């Protein structure tokens, strides 16, 4: 009985990881097409003197949309991706 439960747990864990990786690829594809995210756990708006930055958190990843005079664009990355304060040279 214990071997069966262990096998079921391993299969379930592998299935969850594969689905999660698939979701990341789907979200990255939607990002490239400029579509909204499917899974948004939290939204955050950062206000600056020259505009706004919108941060959308997903399951281990986030999308950042810059609508500022000094920075304009978007960014997709892992959950630890930081919001840029100034333009990279």
Foldseek 3Di string as FASTA:
>chain_A
DVVVVVVVVVVVVVVVVVVVVVLLVVQVVCVVVVHDRPAFPDWDWDDDPFGIKIWTDGDQKIKIADDGPFDGDIDIGGPPDDDDPGDDD
